[in-house]
N, C-alpha and C. Protein backbone atom coordinates (compact mmCIF):
# COMPACT_ATOMS: atom_id res chain seq x y z
N MET A 1 -56.38 -18.17 -162.19
CA MET A 1 -55.94 -17.91 -163.56
C MET A 1 -56.58 -16.61 -164.04
N TYR A 2 -55.82 -15.86 -164.78
CA TYR A 2 -56.33 -14.63 -165.33
C TYR A 2 -56.11 -14.61 -166.82
N TYR A 3 -56.78 -13.70 -167.49
CA TYR A 3 -56.52 -13.56 -168.90
C TYR A 3 -56.56 -12.08 -169.25
N CYS A 4 -55.83 -11.74 -170.23
CA CYS A 4 -55.85 -10.39 -170.80
C CYS A 4 -55.82 -10.58 -172.30
N ILE A 5 -56.51 -9.75 -173.03
CA ILE A 5 -56.55 -9.87 -174.48
C ILE A 5 -56.02 -8.60 -175.10
N MET A 6 -55.15 -8.75 -176.08
CA MET A 6 -54.73 -7.60 -176.85
C MET A 6 -55.76 -7.45 -177.96
N LYS A 7 -56.58 -6.42 -177.88
CA LYS A 7 -57.69 -6.24 -178.80
C LYS A 7 -57.24 -5.81 -180.19
N ASN A 8 -56.17 -5.07 -180.29
CA ASN A 8 -55.81 -4.43 -181.55
C ASN A 8 -54.46 -4.93 -182.05
N GLU A 9 -54.44 -5.41 -183.28
CA GLU A 9 -53.21 -5.93 -183.88
C GLU A 9 -52.12 -4.86 -183.95
N LEU A 10 -52.50 -3.61 -184.15
CA LEU A 10 -51.51 -2.53 -184.21
C LEU A 10 -50.70 -2.43 -182.93
N LEU A 11 -51.31 -2.75 -181.82
CA LEU A 11 -50.65 -2.58 -180.53
C LEU A 11 -49.59 -3.64 -180.25
N LYS A 12 -49.64 -4.75 -180.97
CA LYS A 12 -48.66 -5.81 -180.73
C LYS A 12 -47.24 -5.33 -180.98
N GLY A 13 -47.06 -4.47 -181.97
CA GLY A 13 -45.74 -3.95 -182.28
C GLY A 13 -45.21 -2.96 -181.25
N THR A 14 -46.06 -2.54 -180.34
CA THR A 14 -45.66 -1.55 -179.34
C THR A 14 -45.48 -2.16 -177.95
N LEU A 15 -45.66 -3.46 -177.85
CA LEU A 15 -45.66 -4.08 -176.52
C LEU A 15 -44.33 -3.90 -175.79
N LYS A 16 -43.21 -4.05 -176.49
CA LYS A 16 -41.90 -3.84 -175.83
C LYS A 16 -41.81 -2.44 -175.27
N THR A 17 -42.21 -1.46 -176.07
CA THR A 17 -42.16 -0.06 -175.62
C THR A 17 -43.06 0.16 -174.42
N ILE A 18 -44.25 -0.40 -174.46
CA ILE A 18 -45.20 -0.26 -173.35
C ILE A 18 -44.60 -0.85 -172.07
N LEU A 19 -44.05 -2.06 -172.17
CA LEU A 19 -43.49 -2.72 -170.99
C LEU A 19 -42.28 -1.98 -170.44
N LEU A 20 -41.38 -1.57 -171.32
CA LEU A 20 -40.19 -0.84 -170.87
C LEU A 20 -40.58 0.47 -170.19
N ASN A 21 -41.51 1.19 -170.80
CA ASN A 21 -41.94 2.47 -170.23
C ASN A 21 -42.63 2.28 -168.89
N LEU A 22 -43.47 1.26 -168.80
CA LEU A 22 -44.19 0.98 -167.55
C LEU A 22 -43.21 0.62 -166.43
N LEU A 23 -42.26 -0.24 -166.72
CA LEU A 23 -41.28 -0.62 -165.70
C LEU A 23 -40.36 0.54 -165.34
N GLU A 24 -40.11 1.42 -166.30
CA GLU A 24 -39.28 2.61 -166.01
C GLU A 24 -40.01 3.52 -165.02
N LYS A 25 -41.31 3.65 -165.19
CA LYS A 25 -42.10 4.53 -164.33
C LYS A 25 -42.49 3.89 -163.00
N GLU A 26 -42.84 2.61 -163.03
CA GLU A 26 -43.38 1.93 -161.85
C GLU A 26 -42.34 1.18 -161.04
N GLY A 27 -41.23 0.80 -161.66
CA GLY A 27 -40.24 -0.01 -160.97
C GLY A 27 -40.58 -1.48 -161.10
N GLU A 28 -40.30 -2.24 -160.07
CA GLU A 28 -40.46 -3.70 -160.08
C GLU A 28 -41.94 -4.10 -160.10
N MET A 29 -42.28 -5.01 -161.04
CA MET A 29 -43.67 -5.48 -161.15
C MET A 29 -43.67 -6.95 -161.55
N TYR A 30 -44.76 -7.65 -161.26
CA TYR A 30 -44.93 -9.03 -161.71
C TYR A 30 -45.98 -9.05 -162.82
N GLY A 31 -46.06 -10.17 -163.54
CA GLY A 31 -46.87 -10.27 -164.74
C GLY A 31 -48.31 -9.81 -164.61
N TYR A 32 -49.04 -10.37 -163.68
CA TYR A 32 -50.45 -9.99 -163.52
C TYR A 32 -50.58 -8.51 -163.21
N GLU A 33 -49.69 -8.00 -162.39
CA GLU A 33 -49.69 -6.58 -162.03
C GLU A 33 -49.49 -5.71 -163.28
N ILE A 34 -48.60 -6.14 -164.17
CA ILE A 34 -48.36 -5.42 -165.41
C ILE A 34 -49.63 -5.39 -166.26
N CYS A 35 -50.27 -6.54 -166.42
CA CYS A 35 -51.52 -6.61 -167.19
C CYS A 35 -52.58 -5.67 -166.62
N GLN A 36 -52.74 -5.70 -165.31
CA GLN A 36 -53.75 -4.87 -164.65
C GLN A 36 -53.44 -3.38 -164.81
N LYS A 37 -52.18 -3.02 -164.69
CA LYS A 37 -51.79 -1.61 -164.81
C LYS A 37 -52.05 -1.10 -166.22
N VAL A 38 -51.69 -1.90 -167.22
CA VAL A 38 -51.94 -1.51 -168.62
C VAL A 38 -53.45 -1.39 -168.85
N LYS A 39 -54.20 -2.33 -168.34
CA LYS A 39 -55.65 -2.31 -168.46
C LYS A 39 -56.23 -1.04 -167.84
N ASP A 40 -55.78 -0.71 -166.64
CA ASP A 40 -56.26 0.48 -165.94
C ASP A 40 -55.86 1.77 -166.66
N LEU A 41 -54.59 1.87 -167.03
CA LEU A 41 -54.10 3.08 -167.69
C LEU A 41 -54.78 3.32 -169.03
N SER A 42 -55.12 2.24 -169.73
CA SER A 42 -55.74 2.35 -171.04
C SER A 42 -57.27 2.39 -170.97
N GLU A 43 -57.79 2.46 -169.77
CA GLU A 43 -59.24 2.43 -169.56
C GLU A 43 -59.87 1.22 -170.26
N GLU A 44 -59.20 0.09 -170.11
CA GLU A 44 -59.62 -1.21 -170.62
C GLU A 44 -59.64 -1.30 -172.14
N LYS A 45 -58.95 -0.38 -172.81
CA LYS A 45 -58.86 -0.44 -174.28
C LYS A 45 -57.71 -1.33 -174.72
N LEU A 46 -56.78 -1.59 -173.85
CA LEU A 46 -55.65 -2.45 -174.15
C LEU A 46 -55.56 -3.53 -173.08
N LEU A 47 -55.76 -4.76 -173.50
CA LEU A 47 -55.70 -5.90 -172.60
C LEU A 47 -54.66 -6.86 -173.17
N ILE A 48 -53.67 -7.20 -172.38
CA ILE A 48 -52.55 -8.02 -172.83
C ILE A 48 -52.74 -9.47 -172.41
N THR A 49 -52.56 -10.39 -173.35
CA THR A 49 -52.68 -11.81 -173.03
C THR A 49 -51.38 -12.31 -172.41
N GLU A 50 -51.49 -13.37 -171.64
CA GLU A 50 -50.29 -14.03 -171.11
C GLU A 50 -49.41 -14.48 -172.26
N GLY A 51 -50.04 -14.93 -173.34
CA GLY A 51 -49.32 -15.41 -174.51
C GLY A 51 -48.52 -14.34 -175.21
N ALA A 52 -48.89 -13.08 -175.03
CA ALA A 52 -48.12 -11.96 -175.58
C ALA A 52 -47.15 -11.42 -174.53
N LEU A 53 -47.59 -11.35 -173.29
CA LEU A 53 -46.78 -10.74 -172.24
C LEU A 53 -45.50 -11.50 -171.94
N TYR A 54 -45.62 -12.78 -171.62
CA TYR A 54 -44.44 -13.51 -171.13
C TYR A 54 -43.37 -13.73 -172.19
N PRO A 55 -43.72 -14.05 -173.44
CA PRO A 55 -42.64 -14.12 -174.44
C PRO A 55 -41.92 -12.79 -174.63
N THR A 56 -42.66 -11.71 -174.53
CA THR A 56 -42.03 -10.38 -174.68
C THR A 56 -41.13 -10.10 -173.48
N LEU A 57 -41.59 -10.40 -172.28
CA LEU A 57 -40.74 -10.22 -171.09
C LEU A 57 -39.48 -11.08 -171.21
N HIS A 58 -39.62 -12.30 -171.69
CA HIS A 58 -38.46 -13.18 -171.84
C HIS A 58 -37.48 -12.64 -172.88
N LYS A 59 -38.00 -12.07 -173.97
CA LYS A 59 -37.13 -11.46 -174.98
C LYS A 59 -36.37 -10.27 -174.40
N LEU A 60 -37.07 -9.45 -173.63
CA LEU A 60 -36.43 -8.28 -173.01
C LEU A 60 -35.36 -8.72 -172.01
N GLU A 61 -35.65 -9.79 -171.29
CA GLU A 61 -34.67 -10.34 -170.35
C GLU A 61 -33.45 -10.87 -171.11
N ALA A 62 -33.69 -11.58 -172.23
CA ALA A 62 -32.59 -12.14 -173.03
C ALA A 62 -31.72 -11.03 -173.63
N GLU A 63 -32.33 -9.89 -173.92
CA GLU A 63 -31.58 -8.73 -174.44
C GLU A 63 -30.72 -8.10 -173.35
N GLY A 64 -31.01 -8.46 -172.10
CA GLY A 64 -30.28 -7.86 -170.98
C GLY A 64 -30.91 -6.57 -170.49
N TRP A 65 -32.14 -6.32 -170.92
CA TRP A 65 -32.82 -5.07 -170.57
C TRP A 65 -33.64 -5.17 -169.29
N LEU A 66 -33.88 -6.41 -168.83
CA LEU A 66 -34.66 -6.61 -167.61
C LEU A 66 -33.89 -7.45 -166.60
N ASN A 67 -34.14 -7.16 -165.35
CA ASN A 67 -33.72 -8.03 -164.25
C ASN A 67 -34.95 -8.80 -163.81
N VAL A 68 -34.76 -10.04 -163.41
CA VAL A 68 -35.86 -10.86 -162.93
C VAL A 68 -35.48 -11.38 -161.55
N LYS A 69 -36.40 -11.20 -160.62
CA LYS A 69 -36.16 -11.64 -159.25
C LYS A 69 -37.35 -12.50 -158.82
N LYS A 70 -37.08 -13.66 -158.27
CA LYS A 70 -38.14 -14.54 -157.78
C LYS A 70 -38.35 -14.27 -156.30
N LYS A 71 -39.64 -14.16 -155.92
CA LYS A 71 -39.99 -13.95 -154.51
C LYS A 71 -41.09 -14.93 -154.14
N LYS A 72 -40.98 -15.45 -152.95
CA LYS A 72 -42.00 -16.35 -152.41
C LYS A 72 -43.14 -15.48 -151.86
N VAL A 73 -44.35 -15.72 -152.35
CA VAL A 73 -45.54 -15.01 -151.87
C VAL A 73 -46.54 -16.08 -151.45
N GLY A 74 -46.65 -16.29 -150.17
CA GLY A 74 -47.47 -17.39 -149.68
C GLY A 74 -46.84 -18.70 -150.12
N LYS A 75 -47.62 -19.51 -150.81
CA LYS A 75 -47.11 -20.80 -151.30
C LYS A 75 -46.60 -20.71 -152.73
N ARG A 76 -46.69 -19.53 -153.32
CA ARG A 76 -46.32 -19.35 -154.71
C ARG A 76 -44.99 -18.61 -154.85
N THR A 77 -44.32 -18.87 -155.94
CA THR A 77 -43.14 -18.10 -156.29
C THR A 77 -43.55 -17.17 -157.42
N ARG A 78 -43.28 -15.90 -157.25
CA ARG A 78 -43.67 -14.89 -158.22
C ARG A 78 -42.41 -14.28 -158.82
N LYS A 79 -42.41 -14.05 -160.13
CA LYS A 79 -41.29 -13.40 -160.80
C LYS A 79 -41.58 -11.91 -160.90
N TYR A 80 -40.64 -11.12 -160.42
CA TYR A 80 -40.74 -9.67 -160.52
C TYR A 80 -39.74 -9.18 -161.56
N TYR A 81 -40.21 -8.29 -162.41
CA TYR A 81 -39.40 -7.74 -163.49
C TYR A 81 -39.09 -6.28 -163.20
N SER A 82 -37.86 -5.88 -163.51
CA SER A 82 -37.46 -4.47 -163.39
C SER A 82 -36.44 -4.19 -164.48
N LEU A 83 -36.25 -2.92 -164.78
CA LEU A 83 -35.27 -2.55 -165.78
C LEU A 83 -33.87 -2.77 -165.25
N SER A 84 -33.02 -3.28 -166.10
CA SER A 84 -31.61 -3.42 -165.75
C SER A 84 -30.92 -2.09 -166.03
N ARG A 85 -29.67 -2.01 -165.67
CA ARG A 85 -28.89 -0.81 -165.96
C ARG A 85 -28.86 -0.57 -167.47
N LYS A 86 -28.73 -1.64 -168.24
CA LYS A 86 -28.72 -1.55 -169.70
C LYS A 86 -30.11 -1.18 -170.24
N GLY A 87 -31.16 -1.59 -169.56
CA GLY A 87 -32.52 -1.35 -170.02
C GLY A 87 -33.03 0.05 -169.81
N LYS A 88 -32.50 0.76 -168.82
CA LYS A 88 -33.01 2.11 -168.52
C LYS A 88 -32.86 3.07 -169.69
N PRO A 89 -31.67 3.19 -170.30
CA PRO A 89 -31.58 4.10 -171.44
C PRO A 89 -32.36 3.59 -172.66
N ILE A 90 -32.51 2.28 -172.78
CA ILE A 90 -33.29 1.71 -173.89
C ILE A 90 -34.76 2.11 -173.74
N ALA A 91 -35.28 2.09 -172.52
CA ALA A 91 -36.66 2.48 -172.27
C ALA A 91 -36.89 3.92 -172.70
N VAL A 92 -35.97 4.81 -172.37
CA VAL A 92 -36.08 6.22 -172.75
C VAL A 92 -36.02 6.35 -174.27
N GLN A 93 -35.10 5.64 -174.89
CA GLN A 93 -34.93 5.69 -176.34
C GLN A 93 -36.19 5.18 -177.05
N LYS A 94 -36.73 4.03 -176.61
CA LYS A 94 -37.92 3.46 -177.24
C LYS A 94 -39.13 4.38 -177.11
N LEU A 95 -39.27 5.04 -175.97
CA LEU A 95 -40.37 5.98 -175.78
C LEU A 95 -40.21 7.17 -176.72
N ARG A 96 -39.01 7.70 -176.83
CA ARG A 96 -38.75 8.82 -177.72
C ARG A 96 -39.06 8.44 -179.17
N GLU A 97 -38.61 7.26 -179.59
CA GLU A 97 -38.87 6.78 -180.95
C GLU A 97 -40.38 6.65 -181.20
N PHE A 98 -41.10 6.14 -180.21
CA PHE A 98 -42.53 5.96 -180.38
C PHE A 98 -43.25 7.30 -180.44
N GLN A 99 -42.82 8.26 -179.63
CA GLN A 99 -43.43 9.59 -179.67
C GLN A 99 -43.18 10.25 -181.02
N GLU A 100 -41.99 10.08 -181.58
CA GLU A 100 -41.69 10.62 -182.91
C GLU A 100 -42.57 9.94 -183.97
N TYR A 101 -42.78 8.64 -183.82
CA TYR A 101 -43.65 7.90 -184.74
C TYR A 101 -45.07 8.46 -184.69
N ILE A 102 -45.59 8.70 -183.50
CA ILE A 102 -46.94 9.26 -183.34
C ILE A 102 -47.02 10.63 -184.00
N GLU A 103 -46.01 11.47 -183.79
CA GLU A 103 -46.00 12.79 -184.42
C GLU A 103 -46.01 12.67 -185.94
N THR A 104 -45.24 11.76 -186.47
CA THR A 104 -45.19 11.55 -187.92
C THR A 104 -46.53 11.05 -188.44
N MET A 105 -47.13 10.10 -187.73
CA MET A 105 -48.45 9.60 -188.14
C MET A 105 -49.48 10.72 -188.12
N ASN A 106 -49.42 11.60 -187.14
CA ASN A 106 -50.34 12.74 -187.08
C ASN A 106 -50.16 13.65 -188.28
N LEU A 107 -48.91 13.86 -188.73
CA LEU A 107 -48.67 14.68 -189.91
C LEU A 107 -49.34 14.07 -191.14
N ILE A 108 -49.29 12.75 -191.22
CA ILE A 108 -49.87 12.05 -192.37
C ILE A 108 -51.40 11.99 -192.28
N LEU A 109 -51.91 11.67 -191.11
CA LEU A 109 -53.34 11.46 -190.95
C LEU A 109 -54.14 12.74 -190.77
N GLN A 110 -53.47 13.78 -190.27
CA GLN A 110 -54.15 15.06 -190.05
C GLN A 110 -53.30 16.18 -190.67
N PRO A 111 -53.16 16.17 -191.99
CA PRO A 111 -52.31 17.19 -192.62
C PRO A 111 -52.90 18.58 -192.44
N LYS A 112 -51.99 19.54 -192.30
CA LYS A 112 -52.41 20.94 -192.19
C LYS A 112 -52.75 21.43 -193.59
N THR A 113 -53.82 22.17 -193.69
CA THR A 113 -54.19 22.70 -194.99
C THR A 113 -53.40 23.98 -195.23
N ALA A 114 -52.97 24.16 -196.46
CA ALA A 114 -52.19 25.35 -196.82
C ALA A 114 -53.14 26.54 -196.93
N LYS A 115 -52.66 27.67 -196.39
CA LYS A 115 -53.46 28.90 -196.46
C LYS A 115 -53.24 29.57 -197.81
N SER A 116 -54.31 30.11 -198.36
CA SER A 116 -54.21 30.78 -199.66
C SER A 116 -53.75 32.20 -199.51
C-alpha cells in the first residue's frame, strides 16, 4: 500500500490539468507511477492521495479523455491510463489555459511599477 498527500488546497483545482499533461508527455501510466512521477517532478512539494487521484482519473475516463487498459503484472491486475484521441487536444487546451492563468496571476501578484 502506498500513500500520497496533496499538501496544498490550491493544487486540487489543477489535478485534471496535471494528469492530462503528464499522460500527454509520458504516455501510458498506472496510478502509483503517476503519483511517483508527480512527486519526483515537484521535488516532493506535490503529493497526490489515492483519494484524489482515482476519482479524478475516473472523471477523465467518463469524459472520454482517457483510455484504460488492464494488464496482468505477476498476480495483480494493473490499470494503465493513457490519453484518448479526444483527450489529446483537451490536454493541450488545459495546459494553455493554466499557463494563461499563471501569467495573469503574475500580473496581479507582481505588478510592474510605472516609470515616472
